[in-house]
Amino acid sequence: MEWISFFERQPHDGQQIFYYGEHIGVWAGRYQYDPNDPVSHHIIHCSESWGVVDRMDAPWWMERHEGMDKPQKPNTDYPEDYPA
């Protein structure tokens, strides 16, 4: 599986994913899209502990399937299309 930039393509609402951010590392969680959220439309709920991040905190994601091992972090901390 390959890391995907959140700015290139988003997971499906409710999809189980792995996600990565430079300051948080690699985690497993569930993606939620909410166009009515006043802070961010793209939220990730951690499945491993209590916590929530958005795509600015975790700009990389990949599909997660039952039984998958946690992947290594991507080769770069930020995708090329990360907003400046």
N, C-alpha and C. Protein backbone atom coordinates (compact mmCIF):
# COMPACT_ATOMS: atom_id res chain seq x y z
N MET A 1 0.85 -1.18 0.00
CA MET A 1 0.00 0.00 0.00
C MET A 1 0.89 1.25 0.00
N GLU A 2 0.38 2.30 -0.60
CA GLU A 2 1.14 3.54 -0.68
C GLU A 2 0.44 4.64 0.10
N TRP A 3 1.24 5.57 0.61
CA TRP A 3 0.70 6.76 1.26
C TRP A 3 0.08 7.67 0.21
N ILE A 4 -1.06 8.27 0.56
CA ILE A 4 -1.80 9.15 -0.33
C ILE A 4 -1.90 10.53 0.34
N SER A 5 -1.70 11.56 -0.43
CA SER A 5 -1.85 12.92 0.09
C SER A 5 -3.34 13.23 0.28
N PHE A 6 -3.69 13.78 1.44
CA PHE A 6 -5.07 14.21 1.68
C PHE A 6 -5.49 15.30 0.72
N PHE A 7 -4.52 15.98 0.11
CA PHE A 7 -4.83 17.09 -0.78
C PHE A 7 -4.98 16.63 -2.22
N GLU A 8 -4.61 15.37 -2.46
CA GLU A 8 -4.80 14.75 -3.78
C GLU A 8 -6.14 14.00 -3.81
N ARG A 9 -6.40 13.25 -2.73
CA ARG A 9 -7.61 12.41 -2.67
C ARG A 9 -7.95 12.15 -1.20
N GLN A 10 -9.23 12.15 -0.88
CA GLN A 10 -9.66 11.89 0.49
C GLN A 10 -10.24 10.47 0.60
N PRO A 11 -10.18 9.90 1.80
CA PRO A 11 -10.84 8.61 2.02
C PRO A 11 -12.36 8.80 1.94
N HIS A 12 -13.07 7.70 1.94
CA HIS A 12 -14.53 7.74 1.99
C HIS A 12 -14.95 8.05 3.42
N ASP A 13 -16.06 8.75 3.59
CA ASP A 13 -16.58 9.04 4.92
C ASP A 13 -16.79 7.73 5.68
N GLY A 14 -16.20 7.63 6.87
CA GLY A 14 -16.31 6.43 7.69
C GLY A 14 -15.23 5.39 7.44
N GLN A 15 -14.37 5.61 6.46
CA GLN A 15 -13.35 4.63 6.10
C GLN A 15 -12.28 4.51 7.19
N GLN A 16 -11.84 3.26 7.42
CA GLN A 16 -10.75 2.98 8.34
C GLN A 16 -9.43 3.23 7.61
N ILE A 17 -8.54 4.01 8.23
CA ILE A 17 -7.29 4.40 7.58
C ILE A 17 -6.12 4.36 8.56
N PHE A 18 -4.92 4.37 8.00
CA PHE A 18 -3.72 4.75 8.74
C PHE A 18 -3.45 6.18 8.33
N TYR A 19 -2.93 6.97 9.24
CA TYR A 19 -2.61 8.35 8.91
C TYR A 19 -1.29 8.75 9.54
N TYR A 20 -0.64 9.75 8.94
CA TYR A 20 0.68 10.18 9.41
C TYR A 20 0.80 11.69 9.38
N GLY A 21 1.41 12.21 10.43
CA GLY A 21 1.79 13.62 10.49
C GLY A 21 3.14 13.72 11.16
N GLU A 22 3.93 14.69 10.76
CA GLU A 22 5.29 14.86 11.28
C GLU A 22 5.34 14.89 12.80
N HIS A 23 4.40 15.57 13.44
CA HIS A 23 4.43 15.75 14.89
C HIS A 23 3.65 14.69 15.66
N ILE A 24 2.96 13.81 14.94
CA ILE A 24 2.15 12.81 15.65
C ILE A 24 2.55 11.37 15.34
N GLY A 25 3.21 11.12 14.21
CA GLY A 25 3.60 9.77 13.83
C GLY A 25 2.50 9.05 13.08
N VAL A 26 2.58 7.71 13.05
CA VAL A 26 1.62 6.87 12.33
C VAL A 26 0.60 6.32 13.32
N TRP A 27 -0.68 6.45 12.97
CA TRP A 27 -1.77 5.98 13.81
C TRP A 27 -2.85 5.33 12.93
N ALA A 28 -3.72 4.57 13.58
CA ALA A 28 -4.89 4.00 12.92
C ALA A 28 -6.11 4.80 13.37
N GLY A 29 -7.04 5.02 12.43
CA GLY A 29 -8.24 5.77 12.79
C GLY A 29 -9.33 5.66 11.75
N ARG A 30 -10.36 6.47 11.94
CA ARG A 30 -11.52 6.49 11.06
C ARG A 30 -11.71 7.91 10.55
N TYR A 31 -11.82 8.05 9.24
CA TYR A 31 -12.01 9.35 8.60
C TYR A 31 -13.46 9.75 8.64
N GLN A 32 -13.71 11.03 8.91
CA GLN A 32 -15.07 11.56 8.89
C GLN A 32 -15.08 12.86 8.11
N TYR A 33 -16.00 12.96 7.15
CA TYR A 33 -16.20 14.20 6.41
C TYR A 33 -17.47 14.86 6.91
N ASP A 34 -17.34 16.11 7.36
CA ASP A 34 -18.50 16.84 7.86
C ASP A 34 -18.46 18.27 7.32
N PRO A 35 -19.21 18.55 6.26
CA PRO A 35 -19.18 19.90 5.67
C PRO A 35 -19.72 20.98 6.60
N ASN A 36 -20.38 20.60 7.68
CA ASN A 36 -20.93 21.58 8.62
C ASN A 36 -20.02 21.86 9.81
N ASP A 37 -18.90 21.15 9.92
CA ASP A 37 -17.97 21.39 11.03
C ASP A 37 -17.35 22.77 10.85
N PRO A 38 -17.40 23.64 11.86
CA PRO A 38 -16.88 25.00 11.70
C PRO A 38 -15.36 25.10 11.69
N VAL A 39 -14.65 24.05 12.10
CA VAL A 39 -13.19 24.10 12.17
C VAL A 39 -12.55 23.39 10.98
N SER A 40 -12.96 22.18 10.70
CA SER A 40 -12.40 21.42 9.59
C SER A 40 -13.43 20.42 9.07
N HIS A 41 -13.52 20.29 7.77
CA HIS A 41 -14.44 19.32 7.17
C HIS A 41 -13.86 17.92 7.17
N HIS A 42 -12.53 17.80 7.38
CA HIS A 42 -11.81 16.53 7.27
C HIS A 42 -11.23 16.15 8.63
N ILE A 43 -11.90 15.25 9.35
CA ILE A 43 -11.53 14.87 10.70
C ILE A 43 -11.15 13.39 10.74
N ILE A 44 -10.14 13.07 11.54
CA ILE A 44 -9.73 11.68 11.73
C ILE A 44 -9.83 11.37 13.23
N HIS A 45 -10.62 10.35 13.56
CA HIS A 45 -10.78 9.90 14.94
C HIS A 45 -9.83 8.73 15.17
N CYS A 46 -8.95 8.86 16.14
CA CYS A 46 -7.97 7.81 16.42
C CYS A 46 -8.67 6.57 16.96
N SER A 47 -8.23 5.39 16.48
CA SER A 47 -8.76 4.11 16.95
C SER A 47 -7.90 3.50 18.04
N GLU A 48 -6.71 4.07 18.26
CA GLU A 48 -5.76 3.50 19.20
C GLU A 48 -5.76 4.19 20.56
N SER A 49 -6.24 5.39 20.62
CA SER A 49 -6.35 6.14 21.87
C SER A 49 -7.33 7.27 21.62
N TRP A 50 -7.56 8.09 22.64
CA TRP A 50 -8.46 9.22 22.46
C TRP A 50 -7.73 10.29 21.68
N GLY A 51 -8.33 10.81 20.66
CA GLY A 51 -7.72 11.90 19.93
C GLY A 51 -8.39 12.12 18.59
N VAL A 52 -8.28 13.35 18.12
CA VAL A 52 -8.83 13.76 16.84
C VAL A 52 -7.83 14.69 16.18
N VAL A 53 -7.61 14.50 14.88
CA VAL A 53 -6.76 15.41 14.11
C VAL A 53 -7.48 15.71 12.79
N ASP A 54 -6.95 16.69 12.07
CA ASP A 54 -7.49 16.96 10.74
C ASP A 54 -6.38 16.76 9.71
N ARG A 55 -6.70 17.02 8.45
CA ARG A 55 -5.74 16.71 7.39
C ARG A 55 -4.53 17.64 7.39
N MET A 56 -4.59 18.76 8.08
CA MET A 56 -3.42 19.62 8.20
C MET A 56 -2.42 19.01 9.18
N ASP A 57 -2.93 18.34 10.22
CA ASP A 57 -2.07 17.65 11.20
C ASP A 57 -1.51 16.35 10.63
N ALA A 58 -2.29 15.69 9.80
CA ALA A 58 -1.93 14.39 9.23
C ALA A 58 -2.18 14.42 7.73
N PRO A 59 -1.23 14.96 6.95
CA PRO A 59 -1.48 15.12 5.51
C PRO A 59 -1.37 13.85 4.68
N TRP A 60 -0.92 12.74 5.29
CA TRP A 60 -0.82 11.46 4.58
C TRP A 60 -1.82 10.45 5.13
N TRP A 61 -2.35 9.58 4.26
CA TRP A 61 -3.22 8.49 4.70
C TRP A 61 -3.06 7.30 3.77
N MET A 62 -3.50 6.13 4.24
CA MET A 62 -3.60 4.94 3.40
C MET A 62 -4.74 4.08 3.92
N GLU A 63 -5.28 3.27 3.01
CA GLU A 63 -6.37 2.37 3.39
C GLU A 63 -5.90 1.40 4.47
N ARG A 64 -6.80 1.06 5.39
CA ARG A 64 -6.48 0.09 6.44
C ARG A 64 -7.49 -1.04 6.35
N HIS A 65 -6.97 -2.25 6.36
CA HIS A 65 -7.81 -3.44 6.32
C HIS A 65 -7.54 -4.27 7.57
N GLU A 66 -8.52 -5.04 7.99
CA GLU A 66 -8.40 -5.89 9.16
C GLU A 66 -7.14 -6.74 9.08
N GLY A 67 -6.38 -6.77 10.15
CA GLY A 67 -5.18 -7.59 10.23
C GLY A 67 -3.92 -6.96 9.67
N MET A 68 -4.03 -5.77 9.10
CA MET A 68 -2.84 -5.10 8.55
C MET A 68 -1.93 -4.63 9.68
N ASP A 69 -0.63 -4.76 9.45
CA ASP A 69 0.34 -4.19 10.37
C ASP A 69 0.45 -2.70 10.12
N LYS A 70 0.82 -1.97 11.15
CA LYS A 70 1.00 -0.53 11.00
C LYS A 70 2.18 -0.29 10.06
N PRO A 71 2.01 0.57 9.06
CA PRO A 71 3.08 0.81 8.10
C PRO A 71 4.16 1.75 8.65
N GLN A 72 5.29 1.76 7.96
CA GLN A 72 6.34 2.73 8.25
C GLN A 72 5.87 4.09 7.78
N LYS A 73 6.44 5.14 8.34
CA LYS A 73 6.06 6.49 7.92
C LYS A 73 6.45 6.72 6.47
N PRO A 74 5.82 7.69 5.81
CA PRO A 74 6.17 7.97 4.41
C PRO A 74 7.59 8.52 4.29
N ASN A 75 8.10 8.57 3.07
CA ASN A 75 9.47 9.04 2.83
C ASN A 75 9.65 10.53 3.12
N THR A 76 8.58 11.30 2.99
CA THR A 76 8.63 12.73 3.28
C THR A 76 7.53 13.08 4.29
N ASP A 77 7.80 14.07 5.12
CA ASP A 77 6.82 14.46 6.14
C ASP A 77 5.59 15.14 5.54
N TYR A 78 5.79 15.87 4.43
CA TYR A 78 4.69 16.59 3.80
C TYR A 78 4.63 16.29 2.31
N PRO A 79 3.43 16.07 1.78
CA PRO A 79 3.31 15.86 0.34
C PRO A 79 3.62 17.15 -0.42
N GLU A 80 3.98 17.02 -1.67
CA GLU A 80 4.30 18.19 -2.50
C GLU A 80 3.15 19.17 -2.62
N ASP A 81 1.91 18.67 -2.53
CA ASP A 81 0.74 19.53 -2.69
C ASP A 81 0.20 20.08 -1.35
N TYR A 82 0.99 19.94 -0.27
CA TYR A 82 0.58 20.48 1.03
C TYR A 82 0.51 22.01 0.93
N PRO A 83 -0.59 22.63 1.38
CA PRO A 83 -0.72 24.09 1.26
C PRO A 83 0.35 24.83 2.06
N ALA A 84 0.92 25.83 1.46
CA ALA A 84 1.98 26.62 2.12
C ALA A 84 1.40 27.60 3.11
